[in-house]
């Protein structure tokens, strides 16, 4: 797990705990409004961080914990399953500026993204 994810998880947890503490102390008062907001945003940050995955990686690639490929795609040097066919769709990843090729499983519509440079 990356450092940014750990920091986001800790921040979300701290916000949630602080919100619950404010709610417990100031229940029914004006102080409970910030407590609710801290709970909502802290909970959203926790949930978002837990379900977030790397940019263009497939679930199987995420589970192997291999390094992220260029542009956030499939791991470098990894062969895709034979069911994936190269498509004509390419795009430039706006963050890394890598040219990404889309590979498609035509039977299920599942997609994989592989950097071409």
PDB file of N, CA and C in Angstrom:
ATOM      1  N   UNK A   1       0.854  -1.168   0.000  1.00  0.00           N
ATOM      2  CA  UNK A   1       0.000   0.000   0.000  1.00  0.00           C
ATOM      3  C   UNK A   1       0.898   1.228   0.000  1.00  0.00           C
ATOM      4  N   UNK A   2       0.596   2.183  -0.873  1.00  0.00           N
ATOM      5  CA  UNK A   2       1.416   3.372  -1.001  1.00  0.00           C
ATOM      6  C   UNK A   2       1.264   4.328   0.164  1.00  0.00           C
ATOM      7  N   UNK A   3       2.233   5.196   0.298  1.00  0.00           N
ATOM      8  CA  UNK A   3       2.237   6.167   1.390  1.00  0.00           C
ATOM      9  C   UNK A   3       1.020   7.087   1.315  1.00  0.00           C
ATOM     10  N   UNK A   4       0.654   7.507   0.118  1.00  0.00           N
ATOM     11  CA  UNK A   4      -0.494   8.406  -0.032  1.00  0.00           C
ATOM     12  C   UNK A   4      -1.780   7.733   0.457  1.00  0.00           C
ATOM     13  N   UNK A   5      -1.927   6.451   0.168  1.00  0.00           N
ATOM     14  CA  UNK A   5      -3.126   5.740   0.634  1.00  0.00           C
ATOM     15  C   UNK A   5      -3.149   5.625   2.151  1.00  0.00           C
ATOM     16  N   UNK A   6      -2.004   5.361   2.749  1.00  0.00           N
ATOM     17  CA  UNK A   6      -1.927   5.257   4.209  1.00  0.00           C
ATOM     18  C   UNK A   6      -2.285   6.606   4.839  1.00  0.00           C
ATOM     19  N   UNK A   7      -1.728   7.683   4.290  1.00  0.00           N
ATOM     20  CA  UNK A   7      -2.027   9.020   4.810  1.00  0.00           C
ATOM     21  C   UNK A   7      -3.521   9.322   4.662  1.00  0.00           C
ATOM     22  N   UNK A   8      -4.101   8.998   3.514  1.00  0.00           N
ATOM     23  CA  UNK A   8      -5.532   9.241   3.296  1.00  0.00           C
ATOM     24  C   UNK A   8      -6.374   8.426   4.275  1.00  0.00           C
ATOM     25  N   UNK A   9      -6.001   7.174   4.504  1.00  0.00           N
ATOM     26  CA  UNK A   9      -6.739   6.344   5.459  1.00  0.00           C
ATOM     27  C   UNK A   9      -6.652   6.909   6.876  1.00  0.00           C
ATOM     28  N   UNK A  10      -5.461   7.320   7.276  1.00  0.00           N
ATOM     29  CA  UNK A  10      -5.293   7.884   8.617  1.00  0.00           C
ATOM     30  C   UNK A  10      -6.048   9.204   8.767  1.00  0.00           C
ATOM     31  N   UNK A  11      -6.022  10.037   7.738  1.00  0.00           N
ATOM     32  CA  UNK A  11      -6.753  11.298   7.781  1.00  0.00           C
ATOM     33  C   UNK A  11      -8.259  11.056   7.861  1.00  0.00           C
ATOM     34  N   UNK A  12      -8.757  10.144   7.044  1.00  0.00           N
ATOM     35  CA  UNK A  12     -10.185   9.815   7.084  1.00  0.00           C
ATOM     36  C   UNK A  12     -10.597   9.266   8.435  1.00  0.00           C
ATOM     37  N   UNK A  13      -9.779   8.398   8.995  1.00  0.00           N
ATOM     38  CA  UNK A  13     -10.067   7.826  10.317  1.00  0.00           C
ATOM     39  C   UNK A  13     -10.055   8.915  11.384  1.00  0.00           C
ATOM     40  N   UNK A  14      -9.056   9.813  11.329  1.00  0.00           N
ATOM     41  CA  UNK A  14      -8.981  10.905  12.305  1.00  0.00           C
ATOM     42  C   UNK A  14     -10.197  11.817  12.198  1.00  0.00           C
ATOM     43  N   UNK A  15     -10.621  12.114  10.978  1.00  0.00           N
ATOM     44  CA  UNK A  15     -11.811  12.964  10.789  1.00  0.00           C
ATOM     45  C   UNK A  15     -13.056  12.286  11.351  1.00  0.00           C
ATOM     46  N   UNK A  16     -13.194  11.005  11.080  1.00  0.00           N
ATOM     47  CA  UNK A  16     -14.355  10.269  11.562  1.00  0.00           C
ATOM     48  C   UNK A  16     -14.382  10.223  13.089  1.00  0.00           C
ATOM     49  N   UNK A  17     -13.259   9.930  13.708  1.00  0.00           N
ATOM     50  CA  UNK A  17     -13.180   9.872  15.177  1.00  0.00           C
ATOM     51  C   UNK A  17     -13.455  11.248  15.779  1.00  0.00           C
ATOM     52  N   UNK A  18     -12.854  12.301  15.197  1.00  0.00           N
ATOM     53  CA  UNK A  18     -13.085  13.658  15.703  1.00  0.00           C
ATOM     54  C   UNK A  18     -14.559  14.039  15.568  1.00  0.00           C
ATOM     55  N   UNK A  19     -15.158  13.687  14.446  1.00  0.00           N
ATOM     56  CA  UNK A  19     -16.576  13.983  14.252  1.00  0.00           C
ATOM     57  C   UNK A  19     -17.456  13.275  15.274  1.00  0.00           C
ATOM     58  N   UNK A  20     -17.154  12.015  15.527  1.00  0.00           N
ATOM     59  CA  UNK A  20     -17.922  11.262  16.520  1.00  0.00           C
ATOM     60  C   UNK A  20     -17.730  11.838  17.916  1.00  0.00           C
ATOM     61  N   UNK A  21     -16.509  12.290  18.227  1.00  0.00           N
ATOM     62  CA  UNK A  21     -16.241  12.898  19.540  1.00  0.00           C
ATOM     63  C   UNK A  21     -17.022  14.206  19.686  1.00  0.00           C
ATOM     64  N   UNK A  22     -17.034  15.008  18.639  1.00  0.00           N
ATOM     65  CA  UNK A  22     -17.793  16.265  18.688  1.00  0.00           C
ATOM     66  C   UNK A  22     -19.275  15.982  18.865  1.00  0.00           C
ATOM     67  N   UNK A  23     -19.775  14.986  18.167  1.00  0.00           N
ATOM     68  CA  UNK A  23     -21.184  14.629  18.305  1.00  0.00           C
ATOM     69  C   UNK A  23     -21.499  14.146  19.716  1.00  0.00           C
ATOM     70  N   UNK A  24     -20.597  13.384  20.300  1.00  0.00           N
ATOM     71  CA  UNK A  24     -20.822  12.858  21.653  1.00  0.00           C
ATOM     72  C   UNK A  24     -20.803  13.979  22.693  1.00  0.00           C
ATOM     73  N   UNK A  25     -19.906  14.928  22.518  1.00  0.00           N
ATOM     74  CA  UNK A  25     -19.782  16.020  23.482  1.00  0.00           C
ATOM     75  C   UNK A  25     -20.888  17.055  23.319  1.00  0.00           C
ATOM     76  N   UNK A  26     -21.156  17.430  22.082  1.00  0.00           N
ATOM     77  CA  UNK A  26     -22.091  18.527  21.862  1.00  0.00           C
ATOM     78  C   UNK A  26     -23.403  18.098  21.238  1.00  0.00           C
ATOM     79  N   UNK A  27     -23.898  16.945  21.601  1.00  0.00           N
ATOM     80  CA  UNK A  27     -25.142  16.438  21.017  1.00  0.00           C
ATOM     81  C   UNK A  27     -26.281  17.438  21.212  1.00  0.00           C
ATOM     82  N   UNK A  28     -26.935  17.779  20.113  1.00  0.00           N
ATOM     83  CA  UNK A  28     -28.076  18.685  20.181  1.00  0.00           C
ATOM     84  C   UNK A  28     -27.699  20.156  20.158  1.00  0.00           C
ATOM     85  N   UNK A  29     -26.415  20.481  20.197  1.00  0.00           N
ATOM     86  CA  UNK A  29     -26.005  21.882  20.163  1.00  0.00           C
ATOM     87  C   UNK A  29     -25.517  22.245  18.764  1.00  0.00           C
ATOM     88  N   UNK A  30     -25.138  23.494  18.595  1.00  0.00           N
ATOM     89  CA  UNK A  30     -24.633  23.957  17.303  1.00  0.00           C
ATOM     90  C   UNK A  30     -23.318  23.264  16.944  1.00  0.00           C
ATOM     91  N   UNK A  31     -22.600  22.756  17.930  1.00  0.00           N
ATOM     92  CA  UNK A  31     -21.329  22.071  17.674  1.00  0.00           C
ATOM     93  C   UNK A  31     -21.522  20.746  16.954  1.00  0.00           C
ATOM     94  N   UNK A  32     -22.739  20.215  16.949  1.00  0.00           N
ATOM     95  CA  UNK A  32     -22.946  18.920  16.308  1.00  0.00           C
ATOM     96  C   UNK A  32     -22.911  19.017  14.788  1.00  0.00           C
ATOM     97  N   UNK A  33     -23.144  20.203  14.229  1.00  0.00           N
ATOM     98  CA  UNK A  33     -23.107  20.356  12.766  1.00  0.00           C
ATOM     99  C   UNK A  33     -21.701  20.063  12.220  1.00  0.00           C
ATOM    100  N   UNK A  34     -20.637  20.686  12.767  1.00  0.00           N
ATOM    101  CA  UNK A  34     -19.297  20.307  12.278  1.00  0.00           C
ATOM    102  C   UNK A  34     -18.982  18.834  12.531  1.00  0.00           C
ATOM    103  N   UNK A  35     -19.510  18.288  13.592  1.00  0.00           N
ATOM    104  CA  UNK A  35     -19.299  16.869  13.866  1.00  0.00           C
ATOM    105  C   UNK A  35     -19.876  15.992  12.776  1.00  0.00           C
ATOM    106  N   UNK A  36     -21.082  16.329  12.318  1.00  0.00           N
ATOM    107  CA  UNK A  36     -21.692  15.565  11.226  1.00  0.00           C
ATOM    108  C   UNK A  36     -20.859  15.686   9.952  1.00  0.00           C
ATOM    109  N   UNK A  37     -20.391  16.900   9.665  1.00  0.00           N
ATOM    110  CA  UNK A  37     -19.593  17.089   8.453  1.00  0.00           C
ATOM    111  C   UNK A  37     -18.282  16.315   8.527  1.00  0.00           C
ATOM    112  N   UNK A  38     -17.651  16.318   9.670  1.00  0.00           N
ATOM    113  CA  UNK A  38     -16.421  15.539   9.820  1.00  0.00           C
ATOM    114  C   UNK A  38     -16.687  14.047   9.631  1.00  0.00           C
ATOM    115  N   UNK A  39     -17.787  13.569  10.160  1.00  0.00           N
ATOM    116  CA  UNK A  39     -18.146  12.149   9.984  1.00  0.00           C
ATOM    117  C   UNK A  39     -18.389  11.823   8.516  1.00  0.00           C
ATOM    118  N   UNK A  40     -19.121  12.693   7.831  1.00  0.00           N
ATOM    119  CA  UNK A  40     -19.447  12.443   6.419  1.00  0.00           C
ATOM    120  C   UNK A  40     -18.179  12.445   5.570  1.00  0.00           C
ATOM    121  N   UNK A  41     -17.365  13.490   5.703  1.00  0.00           N
ATOM    122  CA  UNK A  41     -16.159  13.573   4.877  1.00  0.00           C
ATOM    123  C   UNK A  41     -15.111  12.537   5.275  1.00  0.00           C
ATOM    124  N   UNK A  42     -14.965  12.276   6.553  1.00  0.00           N
ATOM    125  CA  UNK A  42     -14.025  11.244   6.991  1.00  0.00           C
ATOM    126  C   UNK A  42     -14.440   9.869   6.501  1.00  0.00           C
ATOM    127  N   UNK A  43     -15.734   9.564   6.605  1.00  0.00           N
ATOM    128  CA  UNK A  43     -16.236   8.285   6.110  1.00  0.00           C
ATOM    129  C   UNK A  43     -16.079   8.151   4.608  1.00  0.00           C
ATOM    130  N   UNK A  44     -16.366   9.242   3.876  1.00  0.00           N
ATOM    131  CA  UNK A  44     -16.217   9.215   2.418  1.00  0.00           C
ATOM    132  C   UNK A  44     -14.758   9.011   2.021  1.00  0.00           C
ATOM    133  N   UNK A  45     -13.847   9.662   2.744  1.00  0.00           N
ATOM    134  CA  UNK A  45     -12.427   9.494   2.459  1.00  0.00           C
ATOM    135  C   UNK A  45     -11.979   8.059   2.731  1.00  0.00           C
ATOM    136  N   UNK A  46     -12.449   7.476   3.824  1.00  0.00           N
ATOM    137  CA  UNK A  46     -12.112   6.082   4.127  1.00  0.00           C
ATOM    138  C   UNK A  46     -12.634   5.137   3.051  1.00  0.00           C
ATOM    139  N   UNK A  47     -13.907   5.288   2.723  1.00  0.00           N
ATOM    140  CA  UNK A  47     -14.519   4.391   1.727  1.00  0.00           C
ATOM    141  C   UNK A  47     -13.853   4.571   0.370  1.00  0.00           C
ATOM    142  N   UNK A  48     -13.657   5.825  -0.039  1.00  0.00           N
ATOM    143  CA  UNK A  48     -13.025   6.081  -1.333  1.00  0.00           C
ATOM    144  C   UNK A  48     -11.630   5.515  -1.428  1.00  0.00           C
ATOM    145  N   UNK A  49     -10.867   5.649  -0.362  1.00  0.00           N
ATOM    146  CA  UNK A  49      -9.495   5.132  -0.357  1.00  0.00           C
ATOM    147  C   UNK A  49      -9.487   3.606  -0.389  1.00  0.00           C
ATOM    148  N   UNK A  50     -10.416   2.986   0.292  1.00  0.00           N
ATOM    149  CA  UNK A  50     -10.448   1.528   0.331  1.00  0.00           C
ATOM    150  C   UNK A  50     -10.890   0.911  -0.993  1.00  0.00           C
ATOM    151  N   UNK A  51     -11.777   1.590  -1.726  1.00  0.00           N
ATOM    152  CA  UNK A  51     -12.253   0.995  -2.975  1.00  0.00           C
ATOM    153  C   UNK A  51     -11.498   1.497  -4.197  1.00  0.00           C
ATOM    154  N   UNK A  52     -10.665   2.530  -4.013  1.00  0.00           N
ATOM    155  CA  UNK A  52      -9.887   3.066  -5.116  1.00  0.00           C
ATOM    156  C   UNK A  52      -8.844   2.054  -5.552  1.00  0.00           C
ATOM    157  N   UNK A  53      -8.587   2.031  -6.830  1.00  0.00           N
ATOM    158  CA  UNK A  53      -7.521   1.168  -7.326  1.00  0.00           C
ATOM    159  C   UNK A  53      -6.652   1.970  -8.268  1.00  0.00           C
ATOM    160  N   UNK A  54      -5.550   1.409  -8.667  1.00  0.00           N
ATOM    161  CA  UNK A  54      -4.650   2.112  -9.571  1.00  0.00           C
ATOM    162  C   UNK A  54      -5.365   2.426 -10.867  1.00  0.00           C
ATOM    163  N   UNK A  55      -4.909   3.406 -11.548  1.00  0.00           N
ATOM    164  CA  UNK A  55      -5.613   4.024 -12.666  1.00  0.00           C
ATOM    165  C   UNK A  55      -6.178   3.061 -13.704  1.00  0.00           C
ATOM    166  N   UNK A  56      -5.356   2.389 -14.462  1.00  0.00           N
ATOM    167  CA  UNK A  56      -5.857   1.571 -15.562  1.00  0.00           C
ATOM    168  C   UNK A  56      -5.581   0.091 -15.366  1.00  0.00           C
ATOM    169  N   UNK A  57      -5.278  -0.315 -14.162  1.00  0.00           N
ATOM    170  CA  UNK A  57      -4.935  -1.718 -13.917  1.00  0.00           C
ATOM    171  C   UNK A  57      -6.176  -2.568 -13.735  1.00  0.00           C
ATOM    172  N   UNK A  58      -6.058  -3.798 -14.141  1.00  0.00           N
ATOM    173  CA  UNK A  58      -7.144  -4.757 -13.945  1.00  0.00           C
ATOM    174  C   UNK A  58      -7.101  -5.288 -12.512  1.00  0.00           C
ATOM    175  N   UNK A  59      -8.203  -5.838 -12.061  1.00  0.00           N
ATOM    176  CA  UNK A  59      -8.231  -6.437 -10.724  1.00  0.00           C
ATOM    177  C   UNK A  59      -7.201  -7.556 -10.569  1.00  0.00           C
ATOM    178  N   UNK A  60      -7.055  -8.459 -11.558  1.00  0.00           N
ATOM    179  CA  UNK A  60      -6.032  -9.500 -11.402  1.00  0.00           C
ATOM    180  C   UNK A  60      -4.624  -8.918 -11.244  1.00  0.00           C
ATOM    181  N   UNK A  61      -4.314  -7.851 -11.968  1.00  0.00           N
ATOM    182  CA  UNK A  61      -2.991  -7.233 -11.835  1.00  0.00           C
ATOM    183  C   UNK A  61      -2.823  -6.585 -10.472  1.00  0.00           C
ATOM    184  N   UNK A  62      -3.877  -5.980  -9.963  1.00  0.00           N
ATOM    185  CA  UNK A  62      -3.808  -5.374  -8.634  1.00  0.00           C
ATOM    186  C   UNK A  62      -3.533  -6.429  -7.569  1.00  0.00           C
ATOM    187  N   UNK A  63      -4.135  -7.605  -7.713  1.00  0.00           N
ATOM    188  CA  UNK A  63      -3.966  -8.659  -6.707  1.00  0.00           C
ATOM    189  C   UNK A  63      -2.565  -9.264  -6.715  1.00  0.00           C
ATOM    190  N   UNK A  64      -1.881  -9.222  -7.868  1.00  0.00           N
ATOM    191  CA  UNK A  64      -0.542  -9.807  -7.933  1.00  0.00           C
ATOM    192  C   UNK A  64       0.497  -8.929  -7.260  1.00  0.00           C
ATOM    193  N   UNK A  65       0.169  -7.670  -7.056  1.00  0.00           N
ATOM    194  CA  UNK A  65       1.075  -6.687  -6.447  1.00  0.00           C
ATOM    195  C   UNK A  65       2.349  -6.473  -7.251  1.00  0.00           C
ATOM    196  N   UNK A  66       2.286  -6.757  -8.558  1.00  0.00           N
ATOM    197  CA  UNK A  66       3.421  -6.451  -9.430  1.00  0.00           C
ATOM    198  C   UNK A  66       3.490  -4.937  -9.612  1.00  0.00           C
ATOM    199  N   UNK A  67       4.640  -4.432 -10.022  1.00  0.00           N
ATOM    200  CA  UNK A  67       4.742  -2.980 -10.200  1.00  0.00           C
ATOM    201  C   UNK A  67       3.736  -2.470 -11.229  1.00  0.00           C
ATOM    202  N   UNK A  68       3.309  -1.248 -11.023  1.00  0.00           N
ATOM    203  CA  UNK A  68       2.378  -0.616 -11.962  1.00  0.00           C
ATOM    204  C   UNK A  68       3.130  -0.326 -13.245  1.00  0.00           C
ATOM    205  N   UNK A  69       2.478  -0.580 -14.363  1.00  0.00           N
ATOM    206  CA  UNK A  69       3.097  -0.311 -15.647  1.00  0.00           C
ATOM    207  C   UNK A  69       3.113   1.171 -15.960  1.00  0.00           C
ATOM    208  N   UNK A  70       3.819   1.553 -17.024  1.00  0.00           N
ATOM    209  CA  UNK A  70       3.849   2.959 -17.418  1.00  0.00           C
ATOM    210  C   UNK A  70       2.429   3.483 -17.653  1.00  0.00           C
ATOM    211  N   UNK A  71       2.174   4.689 -17.213  1.00  0.00           N
ATOM    212  CA  UNK A  71       0.857   5.280 -17.384  1.00  0.00           C
ATOM    213  C   UNK A  71      -0.191   4.673 -16.478  1.00  0.00           C
ATOM    214  N   UNK A  72       0.207   3.834 -15.542  1.00  0.00           N
ATOM    215  CA  UNK A  72      -0.749   3.219 -14.631  1.00  0.00           C
ATOM    216  C   UNK A  72      -1.426   1.982 -15.180  1.00  0.00           C
ATOM    217  N   UNK A  73      -0.918   1.447 -16.291  1.00  0.00           N
ATOM    218  CA  UNK A  73      -1.537   0.286 -16.916  1.00  0.00           C
ATOM    219  C   UNK A  73      -1.050  -1.038 -16.356  1.00  0.00           C
ATOM    220  N   UNK A  74      -1.195  -2.067 -17.166  1.00  0.00           N
ATOM    221  CA  UNK A  74      -0.784  -3.412 -16.781  1.00  0.00           C
ATOM    222  C   UNK A  74       0.724  -3.441 -16.505  1.00  0.00           C
ATOM    223  N   UNK A  75       1.190  -4.414 -15.708  1.00  0.00           N
ATOM    224  CA  UNK A  75       2.616  -4.478 -15.376  1.00  0.00           C
ATOM    225  C   UNK A  75       3.488  -4.587 -16.623  1.00  0.00           C
ATOM    226  N   UNK A  76       4.665  -3.974 -16.593  1.00  0.00           N
ATOM    227  CA  UNK A  76       5.551  -4.036 -17.758  1.00  0.00           C
ATOM    228  C   UNK A  76       6.023  -5.462 -18.019  1.00  0.00           C
ATOM    229  N   UNK A  77       6.056  -5.836 -19.279  1.00  0.00           N
ATOM    230  CA  UNK A  77       6.551  -7.154 -19.659  1.00  0.00           C
ATOM    231  C   UNK A  77       5.570  -8.286 -19.423  1.00  0.00           C
ATOM    232  N   UNK A  78       4.425  -8.005 -18.850  1.00  0.00           N
ATOM    233  CA  UNK A  78       3.431  -9.039 -18.592  1.00  0.00           C
ATOM    234  C   UNK A  78       2.611  -9.326 -19.843  1.00  0.00           C
ATOM    235  N   UNK A  79       2.400 -10.588 -20.120  1.00  0.00           N
ATOM    236  CA  UNK A  79       1.604 -10.966 -21.280  1.00  0.00           C
ATOM    237  C   UNK A  79       0.133 -11.002 -20.891  1.00  0.00           C
ATOM    238  N   UNK A  80      -0.697 -10.479 -21.762  1.00  0.00           N
ATOM    239  CA  UNK A  80      -2.137 -10.541 -21.528  1.00  0.00           C
ATOM    240  C   UNK A  80      -2.655 -11.917 -21.904  1.00  0.00           C
ATOM    241  N   UNK A  81      -3.778 -12.270 -21.324  1.00  0.00           N
ATOM    242  CA  UNK A  81      -4.409 -13.544 -21.664  1.00  0.00           C
ATOM    243  C   UNK A  81      -4.779 -13.538 -23.145  1.00  0.00           C
ATOM    244  N   UNK A  82      -4.776 -14.697 -23.802  1.00  0.00           N
ATOM    245  CA  UNK A  82      -5.056 -14.760 -25.242  1.00  0.00           C
ATOM    246  C   UNK A  82      -6.442 -14.247 -25.630  1.00  0.00           C
ATOM    247  N   UNK A  83      -7.368 -14.190 -24.692  1.00  0.00           N
ATOM    248  CA  UNK A  83      -8.721 -13.726 -25.014  1.00  0.00           C
ATOM    249  C   UNK A  83      -8.770 -12.236 -25.342  1.00  0.00           C
ATOM    250  N   UNK A  84      -7.723 -11.494 -25.002  1.00  0.00           N
ATOM    251  CA  UNK A  84      -7.686 -10.057 -25.277  1.00  0.00           C
ATOM    252  C   UNK A  84      -7.117  -9.803 -26.659  1.00  0.00           C
ATOM    253  N   UNK A  85      -7.841  -8.957 -27.403  1.00  0.00           N
ATOM    254  CA  UNK A  85      -7.419  -8.596 -28.749  1.00  0.00           C
ATOM    255  C   UNK A  85      -7.075  -7.118 -28.782  1.00  0.00           C
ATOM    256  N   UNK A  86      -6.042  -6.811 -29.520  1.00  0.00           N
ATOM    257  CA  UNK A  86      -5.617  -5.420 -29.662  1.00  0.00           C
ATOM    258  C   UNK A  86      -6.705  -4.632 -30.391  1.00  0.00           C
ATOM    259  N   UNK A  87      -7.051  -3.470 -29.859  1.00  0.00           N
ATOM    260  CA  UNK A  87      -8.041  -2.622 -30.518  1.00  0.00           C
ATOM    261  C   UNK A  87      -7.337  -1.449 -31.192  1.00  0.00           C
ATOM    262  N   UNK A  88      -8.080  -0.684 -31.939  1.00  0.00           N
ATOM    263  CA  UNK A  88      -7.538   0.517 -32.584  1.00  0.00           C
ATOM    264  C   UNK A  88      -7.554   1.709 -31.640  1.00  0.00           C
ATOM    265  N   UNK A  89      -8.113   1.528 -30.451  1.00  0.00           N
ATOM    266  CA  UNK A  89      -8.251   2.633 -29.517  1.00  0.00           C
ATOM    267  C   UNK A  89      -6.940   2.889 -28.777  1.00  0.00           C
ATOM    268  N   UNK A  90      -6.450   4.107 -28.898  1.00  0.00           N
ATOM    269  CA  UNK A  90      -5.269   4.554 -28.165  1.00  0.00           C
ATOM    270  C   UNK A  90      -5.579   5.937 -27.593  1.00  0.00           C
ATOM    271  N   UNK A  91      -4.899   6.275 -26.524  1.00  0.00           N
ATOM    272  CA  UNK A  91      -5.057   7.602 -25.940  1.00  0.00           C
ATOM    273  C   UNK A  91      -3.778   7.960 -25.205  1.00  0.00           C
ATOM    274  N   UNK A  92      -3.612   9.219 -24.951  1.00  0.00           N
ATOM    275  CA  UNK A  92      -2.468   9.703 -24.177  1.00  0.00           C
ATOM    276  C   UNK A  92      -2.946   9.911 -22.752  1.00  0.00           C
ATOM    277  N   UNK A  93      -2.314   9.219 -21.802  1.00  0.00           N
ATOM    278  CA  UNK A  93      -2.653   9.386 -20.401  1.00  0.00           C
ATOM    279  C   UNK A  93      -2.317  10.827 -20.010  1.00  0.00           C
ATOM    280  N   UNK A  94      -3.284  11.578 -19.490  1.00  0.00           N
ATOM    281  CA  UNK A  94      -3.038  12.993 -19.213  1.00  0.00           C
ATOM    282  C   UNK A  94      -2.035  13.253 -18.095  1.00  0.00           C
ATOM    283  N   UNK A  95      -1.836  12.304 -17.209  1.00  0.00           N
ATOM    284  CA  UNK A  95      -0.912  12.516 -16.101  1.00  0.00           C
ATOM    285  C   UNK A  95       0.521  12.170 -16.478  1.00  0.00           C
ATOM    286  N   UNK A  96       0.708  10.990 -17.050  1.00  0.00           N
ATOM    287  CA  UNK A  96       2.070  10.530 -17.355  1.00  0.00           C
ATOM    288  C   UNK A  96       2.499  10.833 -18.785  1.00  0.00           C
ATOM    289  N   UNK A  97       1.530  11.164 -19.645  1.00  0.00           N
ATOM    290  CA  UNK A  97       1.751  11.427 -21.067  1.00  0.00           C
ATOM    291  C   UNK A  97       2.250  10.201 -21.828  1.00  0.00           C
ATOM    292  N   UNK A  98       1.961   9.000 -21.286  1.00  0.00           N
ATOM    293  CA  UNK A  98       2.278   7.768 -22.006  1.00  0.00           C
ATOM    294  C   UNK A  98       1.150   7.467 -22.982  1.00  0.00           C
ATOM    295  N   UNK A  99       1.519   6.896 -24.113  1.00  0.00           N
ATOM    296  CA  UNK A  99       0.527   6.452 -25.095  1.00  0.00           C
ATOM    297  C   UNK A  99       0.021   5.087 -24.639  1.00  0.00           C
ATOM    298  N   UNK A 100      -1.278   4.972 -24.434  1.00  0.00           N
ATOM    299  CA  UNK A 100      -1.885   3.747 -23.919  1.00  0.00           C
ATOM    300  C   UNK A 100      -2.705   3.067 -25.019  1.00  0.00           C
ATOM    301  N   UNK A 101      -2.529   1.761 -25.140  1.00  0.00           N
ATOM    302  CA  UNK A 101      -3.298   0.951 -26.096  1.00  0.00           C
ATOM    303  C   UNK A 101      -4.358   0.178 -25.327  1.00  0.00           C
ATOM    304  N   UNK A 102      -5.546   0.098 -25.887  1.00  0.00           N
ATOM    305  CA  UNK A 102      -6.647  -0.639 -25.268  1.00  0.00           C
ATOM    306  C   UNK A 102      -6.728  -2.021 -25.900  1.00  0.00           C
ATOM    307  N   UNK A 103      -6.788  -3.050 -25.053  1.00  0.00           N
ATOM    308  CA  UNK A 103      -6.976  -4.434 -25.470  1.00  0.00           C
ATOM    309  C   UNK A 103      -8.340  -4.871 -24.942  1.00  0.00           C
ATOM    310  N   UNK A 104      -9.118  -5.556 -25.765  1.00  0.00           N
ATOM    311  CA  UNK A 104     -10.500  -5.889 -25.415  1.00  0.00           C
ATOM    312  C   UNK A 104     -10.760  -7.386 -25.524  1.00  0.00           C
ATOM    313  N   UNK A 105     -11.504  -7.899 -24.543  1.00  0.00           N
ATOM    314  CA  UNK A 105     -12.061  -9.251 -24.627  1.00  0.00           C
ATOM    315  C   UNK A 105     -13.426  -9.060 -25.272  1.00  0.00           C
ATOM    316  N   UNK A 106     -13.563  -9.429 -26.535  1.00  0.00           N
ATOM    317  CA  UNK A 106     -14.800  -9.148 -27.275  1.00  0.00           C
ATOM    318  C   UNK A 106     -16.010  -9.905 -26.738  1.00  0.00           C
ATOM    319  N   UNK A 107     -15.790 -11.005 -26.035  1.00  0.00           N
ATOM    320  CA  UNK A 107     -16.936 -11.761 -25.518  1.00  0.00           C
ATOM    321  C   UNK A 107     -17.545 -11.110 -24.276  1.00  0.00           C
ATOM    322  N   UNK A 108     -16.722 -10.446 -23.465  1.00  0.00           N
ATOM    323  CA  UNK A 108     -17.247  -9.849 -22.235  1.00  0.00           C
ATOM    324  C   UNK A 108     -17.191  -8.318 -22.232  1.00  0.00           C
ATOM    325  N   UNK A 109     -16.398  -7.739 -23.135  1.00  0.00           N
ATOM    326  CA  UNK A 109     -16.223  -6.293 -23.146  1.00  0.00           C
ATOM    327  C   UNK A 109     -15.168  -5.800 -22.165  1.00  0.00           C
ATOM    328  N   UNK A 110     -14.538  -6.725 -21.445  1.00  0.00           N
ATOM    329  CA  UNK A 110     -13.499  -6.357 -20.474  1.00  0.00           C
ATOM    330  C   UNK A 110     -12.317  -5.734 -21.197  1.00  0.00           C
ATOM    331  N   UNK A 111     -11.733  -4.713 -20.585  1.00  0.00           N
ATOM    332  CA  UNK A 111     -10.656  -3.973 -21.211  1.00  0.00           C
ATOM    333  C   UNK A 111      -9.386  -4.032 -20.379  1.00  0.00           C
ATOM    334  N   UNK A 112      -8.244  -3.958 -21.071  1.00  0.00           N
ATOM    335  CA  UNK A 112      -6.941  -3.837 -20.435  1.00  0.00           C
ATOM    336  C   UNK A 112      -6.220  -2.677 -21.110  1.00  0.00           C
ATOM    337  N   UNK A 113      -5.375  -1.999 -20.360  1.00  0.00           N
ATOM    338  CA  UNK A 113      -4.651  -0.842 -20.867  1.00  0.00           C
ATOM    339  C   UNK A 113      -3.162  -1.095 -20.739  1.00  0.00           C
ATOM    340  N   UNK A 114      -2.442  -0.953 -21.852  1.00  0.00           N
ATOM    341  CA  UNK A 114      -1.013  -1.234 -21.885  1.00  0.00           C
ATOM    342  C   UNK A 114      -0.299  -0.042 -22.516  1.00  0.00           C
ATOM    343  N   UNK A 115       0.759   0.432 -21.867  1.00  0.00           N
ATOM    344  CA  UNK A 115       1.540   1.532 -22.417  1.00  0.00           C
ATOM    345  C   UNK A 115       2.324   1.042 -23.636  1.00  0.00           C
ATOM    346  N   UNK A 116       2.382   1.885 -24.650  1.00  0.00           N
ATOM    347  CA  UNK A 116       3.109   1.510 -25.867  1.00  0.00           C
ATOM    348  C   UNK A 116       4.475   2.148 -25.951  1.00  0.00           C
ATOM    349  N   UNK A 117       4.829   3.012 -25.033  1.00  0.00           N
ATOM    350  CA  UNK A 117       6.149   3.648 -25.100  1.00  0.00           C
ATOM    351  C   UNK A 117       6.928   3.451 -23.841  1.00  0.00           C
TER     352      UNK A 117
END
